[in-house]
Amino acid sequence: MSMRTPLSKVRGLGSAKSGTEHFWHQRLTAIANIPLVIFLAWFCVSKVGADRAEMAEALANPLVALMLVFTIISITWHMRLGMQVVIEDYIHGEGSKLICLLGNTFFSLAVALTGLFAVLKISFGG
């Protein structure tokens, strides 16, 4: 016995079976962001007034560079997941929703790649 309406059966609507996974990804990135953002804040505050050479020296430390890479990835992934929920909830036209979701993904990817490129370039002596 199905609880779906005949119209939803025809349209193929119903549970996408991905809500729980999305929920957990969002929660895990939020939890991961806590120590990562604390590290980022400590790092930024400790380098106030530093010149480029001092920053390059600090980023040459593999642990610092790795922590910044993890921070960039976690924050941008969390940002994409959060904006996806907002777009899915408040954009009702299917075409507009698709364009916004694609824009959200590409914007998040561009932010992540730009940040990663900057950190890796400086950490490898560029």
N, C-alpha and C. Protein backbone atom coordinates (compact mmCIF):
# COMPACT_ATOMS: atom_id res chain seq x y z
N MET A 1 0.84 -1.17 0.00
CA MET A 1 0.00 0.00 0.00
C MET A 1 0.89 1.24 0.00
N SER A 2 0.66 2.08 -0.97
CA SER A 2 1.48 3.29 -1.11
C SER A 2 0.76 4.48 -0.51
N MET A 3 1.51 5.35 0.14
CA MET A 3 0.96 6.57 0.72
C MET A 3 1.08 7.76 -0.23
N ARG A 4 1.64 7.53 -1.43
CA ARG A 4 1.83 8.61 -2.39
C ARG A 4 0.55 8.86 -3.17
N THR A 5 0.35 10.09 -3.55
CA THR A 5 -0.82 10.42 -4.36
C THR A 5 -0.56 9.99 -5.80
N PRO A 6 -1.63 9.77 -6.56
CA PRO A 6 -1.44 9.39 -7.97
C PRO A 6 -0.65 10.44 -8.75
N LEU A 7 -0.86 11.72 -8.44
CA LEU A 7 -0.14 12.77 -9.15
C LEU A 7 1.36 12.71 -8.87
N SER A 8 1.75 12.44 -7.63
CA SER A 8 3.18 12.36 -7.32
C SER A 8 3.82 11.14 -7.96
N LYS A 9 3.04 10.05 -8.12
CA LYS A 9 3.56 8.88 -8.81
C LYS A 9 3.84 9.20 -10.28
N VAL A 10 2.94 9.96 -10.89
CA VAL A 10 3.11 10.32 -12.29
C VAL A 10 4.30 11.26 -12.47
N ARG A 11 4.42 12.22 -11.59
CA ARG A 11 5.52 13.19 -11.68
C ARG A 11 6.86 12.59 -11.23
N GLY A 12 6.82 11.49 -10.53
CA GLY A 12 8.04 10.89 -10.03
C GLY A 12 8.60 11.63 -8.83
N LEU A 13 7.72 12.35 -8.13
CA LEU A 13 8.17 13.10 -6.97
C LEU A 13 8.13 12.22 -5.74
N GLY A 14 8.77 12.65 -4.74
CA GLY A 14 8.80 11.90 -3.49
C GLY A 14 10.16 12.02 -2.87
N SER A 15 10.45 11.15 -1.97
CA SER A 15 11.73 11.20 -1.27
C SER A 15 12.88 10.95 -2.23
N ALA A 16 13.88 11.81 -2.15
CA ALA A 16 15.06 11.64 -2.98
C ALA A 16 16.09 10.75 -2.30
N LYS A 17 15.84 10.39 -1.04
CA LYS A 17 16.70 9.50 -0.26
C LYS A 17 18.09 10.09 -0.04
N SER A 18 18.23 11.41 -0.13
CA SER A 18 19.55 12.01 0.09
C SER A 18 19.52 13.05 1.21
N GLY A 19 18.39 13.27 1.82
CA GLY A 19 18.29 14.28 2.87
C GLY A 19 19.12 13.97 4.09
N THR A 20 19.16 12.71 4.49
CA THR A 20 19.91 12.33 5.68
C THR A 20 21.41 12.50 5.44
N GLU A 21 21.87 12.10 4.27
CA GLU A 21 23.28 12.25 3.94
C GLU A 21 23.68 13.73 3.93
N HIS A 22 22.86 14.55 3.32
CA HIS A 22 23.12 15.99 3.27
C HIS A 22 23.15 16.57 4.68
N PHE A 23 22.21 16.16 5.51
CA PHE A 23 22.13 16.62 6.90
C PHE A 23 23.43 16.28 7.64
N TRP A 24 23.91 15.04 7.51
CA TRP A 24 25.11 14.63 8.23
C TRP A 24 26.36 15.31 7.69
N HIS A 25 26.43 15.51 6.38
CA HIS A 25 27.58 16.23 5.83
C HIS A 25 27.63 17.65 6.38
N GLN A 26 26.47 18.28 6.47
CA GLN A 26 26.43 19.65 6.99
C GLN A 26 26.84 19.68 8.46
N ARG A 27 26.39 18.72 9.24
CA ARG A 27 26.75 18.68 10.66
C ARG A 27 28.23 18.35 10.87
N LEU A 28 28.75 17.42 10.08
CA LEU A 28 30.16 17.05 10.21
C LEU A 28 31.08 18.20 9.82
N THR A 29 30.74 18.93 8.75
CA THR A 29 31.57 20.08 8.38
C THR A 29 31.47 21.17 9.44
N ALA A 30 30.29 21.32 10.04
CA ALA A 30 30.15 22.32 11.11
C ALA A 30 31.03 21.97 12.31
N ILE A 31 31.06 20.71 12.67
CA ILE A 31 31.89 20.27 13.79
C ILE A 31 33.37 20.40 13.44
N ALA A 32 33.73 20.04 12.21
CA ALA A 32 35.13 20.17 11.78
C ALA A 32 35.56 21.63 11.73
N ASN A 33 34.63 22.51 11.41
CA ASN A 33 34.97 23.94 11.31
C ASN A 33 35.32 24.56 12.66
N ILE A 34 34.84 24.01 13.75
CA ILE A 34 35.11 24.60 15.06
C ILE A 34 36.62 24.67 15.34
N PRO A 35 37.35 23.54 15.35
CA PRO A 35 38.79 23.66 15.61
C PRO A 35 39.54 24.34 14.47
N LEU A 36 39.06 24.16 13.25
CA LEU A 36 39.75 24.77 12.11
C LEU A 36 39.65 26.29 12.15
N VAL A 37 38.49 26.81 12.49
CA VAL A 37 38.33 28.27 12.57
C VAL A 37 39.08 28.82 13.78
N ILE A 38 39.13 28.08 14.86
CA ILE A 38 39.93 28.51 16.02
C ILE A 38 41.41 28.61 15.60
N PHE A 39 41.88 27.60 14.88
CA PHE A 39 43.26 27.66 14.37
C PHE A 39 43.45 28.86 13.44
N LEU A 40 42.52 29.07 12.53
CA LEU A 40 42.62 30.18 11.59
C LEU A 40 42.65 31.51 12.32
N ALA A 41 41.80 31.68 13.30
CA ALA A 41 41.78 32.93 14.07
C ALA A 41 43.08 33.13 14.83
N TRP A 42 43.58 32.07 15.47
CA TRP A 42 44.85 32.15 16.18
C TRP A 42 45.98 32.51 15.22
N PHE A 43 46.01 31.87 14.07
CA PHE A 43 47.06 32.11 13.08
C PHE A 43 47.02 33.55 12.59
N CYS A 44 45.82 34.04 12.26
CA CYS A 44 45.69 35.42 11.77
C CYS A 44 46.09 36.43 12.84
N VAL A 45 45.64 36.22 14.06
CA VAL A 45 45.97 37.16 15.14
C VAL A 45 47.46 37.14 15.44
N SER A 46 48.08 35.96 15.39
CA SER A 46 49.51 35.88 15.69
C SER A 46 50.37 36.50 14.60
N LYS A 47 49.80 36.69 13.41
CA LYS A 47 50.57 37.26 12.29
C LYS A 47 50.19 38.70 11.97
N VAL A 48 49.46 39.35 12.86
CA VAL A 48 49.11 40.76 12.63
C VAL A 48 50.40 41.57 12.57
N GLY A 49 50.55 42.37 11.52
CA GLY A 49 51.73 43.21 11.35
C GLY A 49 52.89 42.51 10.68
N ALA A 50 52.74 41.24 10.34
CA ALA A 50 53.84 40.51 9.69
C ALA A 50 53.96 40.94 8.23
N ASP A 51 55.20 40.95 7.74
CA ASP A 51 55.39 41.27 6.32
C ASP A 51 55.26 39.99 5.50
N ARG A 52 55.40 40.14 4.17
CA ARG A 52 55.19 39.00 3.28
C ARG A 52 56.20 37.89 3.54
N ALA A 53 57.43 38.24 3.81
CA ALA A 53 58.47 37.24 4.04
C ALA A 53 58.16 36.40 5.29
N GLU A 54 57.68 37.05 6.32
CA GLU A 54 57.34 36.33 7.55
C GLU A 54 56.13 35.41 7.32
N MET A 55 55.17 35.89 6.55
CA MET A 55 53.99 35.05 6.24
C MET A 55 54.40 33.85 5.38
N ALA A 56 55.27 34.09 4.41
CA ALA A 56 55.74 33.00 3.56
C ALA A 56 56.50 31.96 4.39
N GLU A 57 57.29 32.43 5.35
CA GLU A 57 58.01 31.51 6.23
C GLU A 57 57.04 30.69 7.08
N ALA A 58 55.98 31.34 7.57
CA ALA A 58 54.99 30.63 8.38
C ALA A 58 54.24 29.60 7.54
N LEU A 59 53.91 29.96 6.30
CA LEU A 59 53.17 29.03 5.42
C LEU A 59 54.07 27.93 4.85
N ALA A 60 55.39 28.10 4.97
CA ALA A 60 56.30 27.05 4.52
C ALA A 60 56.26 25.85 5.47
N ASN A 61 55.75 26.07 6.68
CA ASN A 61 55.57 24.97 7.62
C ASN A 61 54.44 24.07 7.10
N PRO A 62 54.74 22.78 6.83
CA PRO A 62 53.71 21.90 6.26
C PRO A 62 52.46 21.76 7.12
N LEU A 63 52.62 21.79 8.44
CA LEU A 63 51.46 21.66 9.31
C LEU A 63 50.52 22.86 9.17
N VAL A 64 51.08 24.05 9.11
CA VAL A 64 50.27 25.25 8.94
C VAL A 64 49.57 25.23 7.59
N ALA A 65 50.32 24.91 6.54
CA ALA A 65 49.72 24.86 5.19
C ALA A 65 48.61 23.81 5.13
N LEU A 66 48.84 22.65 5.72
CA LEU A 66 47.84 21.59 5.71
C LEU A 66 46.58 22.01 6.47
N MET A 67 46.77 22.65 7.62
CA MET A 67 45.61 23.12 8.39
C MET A 67 44.82 24.17 7.60
N LEU A 68 45.52 25.05 6.91
CA LEU A 68 44.82 26.05 6.10
C LEU A 68 44.09 25.40 4.92
N VAL A 69 44.69 24.39 4.32
CA VAL A 69 44.02 23.66 3.23
C VAL A 69 42.76 22.99 3.75
N PHE A 70 42.86 22.32 4.89
CA PHE A 70 41.67 21.68 5.48
C PHE A 70 40.60 22.73 5.81
N THR A 71 41.02 23.87 6.31
CA THR A 71 40.07 24.93 6.66
C THR A 71 39.33 25.42 5.43
N ILE A 72 40.06 25.67 4.36
CA ILE A 72 39.44 26.16 3.12
C ILE A 72 38.45 25.14 2.58
N ILE A 73 38.85 23.88 2.54
CA ILE A 73 37.96 22.84 2.00
C ILE A 73 36.71 22.70 2.87
N SER A 74 36.88 22.63 4.17
CA SER A 74 35.74 22.42 5.06
C SER A 74 34.78 23.61 5.03
N ILE A 75 35.30 24.81 5.06
CA ILE A 75 34.43 25.99 5.07
C ILE A 75 33.68 26.13 3.76
N THR A 76 34.36 25.93 2.63
CA THR A 76 33.65 26.09 1.35
C THR A 76 32.64 24.97 1.13
N TRP A 77 32.94 23.76 1.59
CA TRP A 77 31.98 22.67 1.46
C TRP A 77 30.75 22.97 2.32
N HIS A 78 30.98 23.42 3.55
CA HIS A 78 29.88 23.77 4.44
C HIS A 78 29.06 24.93 3.86
N MET A 79 29.74 25.90 3.27
CA MET A 79 29.05 27.03 2.65
C MET A 79 28.14 26.54 1.50
N ARG A 80 28.67 25.65 0.66
CA ARG A 80 27.88 25.14 -0.45
C ARG A 80 26.66 24.38 0.03
N LEU A 81 26.84 23.55 1.05
CA LEU A 81 25.71 22.78 1.58
C LEU A 81 24.64 23.69 2.17
N GLY A 82 25.06 24.69 2.93
CA GLY A 82 24.10 25.61 3.53
C GLY A 82 23.33 26.40 2.50
N MET A 83 24.03 26.93 1.50
CA MET A 83 23.35 27.70 0.46
C MET A 83 22.44 26.81 -0.38
N GLN A 84 22.82 25.55 -0.56
CA GLN A 84 21.96 24.63 -1.30
C GLN A 84 20.61 24.47 -0.62
N VAL A 85 20.62 24.36 0.70
CA VAL A 85 19.37 24.23 1.45
C VAL A 85 18.52 25.50 1.29
N VAL A 86 19.15 26.65 1.39
CA VAL A 86 18.42 27.92 1.23
C VAL A 86 17.82 28.01 -0.17
N ILE A 87 18.60 27.67 -1.18
CA ILE A 87 18.10 27.73 -2.56
C ILE A 87 16.95 26.76 -2.76
N GLU A 88 17.11 25.53 -2.29
CA GLU A 88 16.04 24.53 -2.46
C GLU A 88 14.77 24.92 -1.73
N ASP A 89 14.90 25.63 -0.60
CA ASP A 89 13.72 26.01 0.17
C ASP A 89 13.02 27.25 -0.38
N TYR A 90 13.76 28.20 -0.93
CA TYR A 90 13.17 29.49 -1.26
C TYR A 90 13.10 29.82 -2.74
N ILE A 91 13.73 29.07 -3.60
CA ILE A 91 13.61 29.28 -5.04
C ILE A 91 12.66 28.22 -5.57
N HIS A 92 11.54 28.65 -6.13
CA HIS A 92 10.49 27.69 -6.47
C HIS A 92 10.45 27.31 -7.94
N GLY A 93 10.89 28.15 -8.83
CA GLY A 93 10.91 27.79 -10.25
C GLY A 93 12.02 26.79 -10.51
N GLU A 94 11.69 25.74 -11.25
CA GLU A 94 12.68 24.68 -11.48
C GLU A 94 13.89 25.19 -12.25
N GLY A 95 13.69 26.02 -13.26
CA GLY A 95 14.81 26.56 -14.03
C GLY A 95 15.68 27.47 -13.19
N SER A 96 15.03 28.35 -12.44
CA SER A 96 15.77 29.27 -11.56
C SER A 96 16.53 28.50 -10.49
N LYS A 97 15.89 27.48 -9.95
CA LYS A 97 16.53 26.67 -8.91
C LYS A 97 17.77 25.98 -9.46
N LEU A 98 17.66 25.43 -10.66
CA LEU A 98 18.79 24.74 -11.27
C LEU A 98 19.95 25.70 -11.52
N ILE A 99 19.64 26.88 -12.04
CA ILE A 99 20.68 27.88 -12.30
C ILE A 99 21.34 28.31 -11.00
N CYS A 100 20.56 28.54 -9.98
CA CYS A 100 21.11 28.96 -8.68
C CYS A 100 21.97 27.85 -8.06
N LEU A 101 21.52 26.60 -8.16
CA LEU A 101 22.30 25.49 -7.62
C LEU A 101 23.62 25.33 -8.37
N LEU A 102 23.58 25.47 -9.69
CA LEU A 102 24.83 25.40 -10.46
C LEU A 102 25.75 26.56 -10.11
N GLY A 103 25.19 27.76 -10.00
CA GLY A 103 25.98 28.92 -9.61
C GLY A 103 26.60 28.74 -8.24
N ASN A 104 25.83 28.20 -7.31
CA ASN A 104 26.32 27.94 -5.96
C ASN A 104 27.49 26.98 -5.98
N THR A 105 27.37 25.92 -6.75
CA THR A 105 28.45 24.92 -6.83
C THR A 105 29.70 25.52 -7.45
N PHE A 106 29.53 26.24 -8.57
CA PHE A 106 30.69 26.81 -9.24
C PHE A 106 31.33 27.93 -8.42
N PHE A 107 30.53 28.73 -7.73
CA PHE A 107 31.09 29.78 -6.88
C PHE A 107 31.90 29.17 -5.74
N SER A 108 31.33 28.16 -5.10
CA SER A 108 32.04 27.49 -4.00
C SER A 108 33.34 26.86 -4.49
N LEU A 109 33.28 26.25 -5.65
CA LEU A 109 34.47 25.64 -6.23
C LEU A 109 35.52 26.70 -6.55
N ALA A 110 35.09 27.83 -7.10
CA ALA A 110 36.03 28.91 -7.43
C ALA A 110 36.68 29.47 -6.17
N VAL A 111 35.90 29.66 -5.11
CA VAL A 111 36.45 30.16 -3.85
C VAL A 111 37.47 29.16 -3.29
N ALA A 112 37.12 27.89 -3.30
CA ALA A 112 38.02 26.86 -2.76
C ALA A 112 39.31 26.78 -3.57
N LEU A 113 39.19 26.74 -4.89
CA LEU A 113 40.38 26.63 -5.72
C LEU A 113 41.28 27.85 -5.61
N THR A 114 40.69 29.03 -5.53
CA THR A 114 41.48 30.25 -5.37
C THR A 114 42.24 30.23 -4.04
N GLY A 115 41.57 29.88 -2.97
CA GLY A 115 42.22 29.80 -1.67
C GLY A 115 43.31 28.74 -1.62
N LEU A 116 43.01 27.56 -2.18
CA LEU A 116 44.00 26.50 -2.19
C LEU A 116 45.22 26.88 -3.02
N PHE A 117 44.99 27.50 -4.17
CA PHE A 117 46.09 27.93 -5.02
C PHE A 117 46.98 28.93 -4.29
N ALA A 118 46.37 29.88 -3.60
CA ALA A 118 47.13 30.90 -2.88
C ALA A 118 47.97 30.27 -1.77
N VAL A 119 47.36 29.41 -0.97
CA VAL A 119 48.09 28.78 0.14
C VAL A 119 49.22 27.91 -0.39
N LEU A 120 48.92 27.08 -1.39
CA LEU A 120 49.95 26.18 -1.90
C LEU A 120 51.07 26.92 -2.61
N LYS A 121 50.73 27.97 -3.34
CA LYS A 121 51.76 28.74 -4.03
C LYS A 121 52.72 29.39 -3.04
N ILE A 122 52.18 29.98 -1.99
CA ILE A 122 53.04 30.62 -0.99
C ILE A 122 53.82 29.57 -0.20
N SER A 123 53.15 28.47 0.14
CA SER A 123 53.84 27.46 0.96
C SER A 123 54.96 26.75 0.21
N PHE A 124 54.85 26.67 -1.13
CA PHE A 124 55.92 26.05 -1.91
C PHE A 124 56.95 27.06 -2.41
N GLY A 125 56.86 28.29 -1.89
CA GLY A 125 57.89 29.28 -2.21
C GLY A 125 57.63 30.12 -3.43
N GLY A 126 56.37 30.22 -3.84
CA GLY A 126 56.05 31.00 -5.04
C GLY A 126 55.90 32.47 -4.81
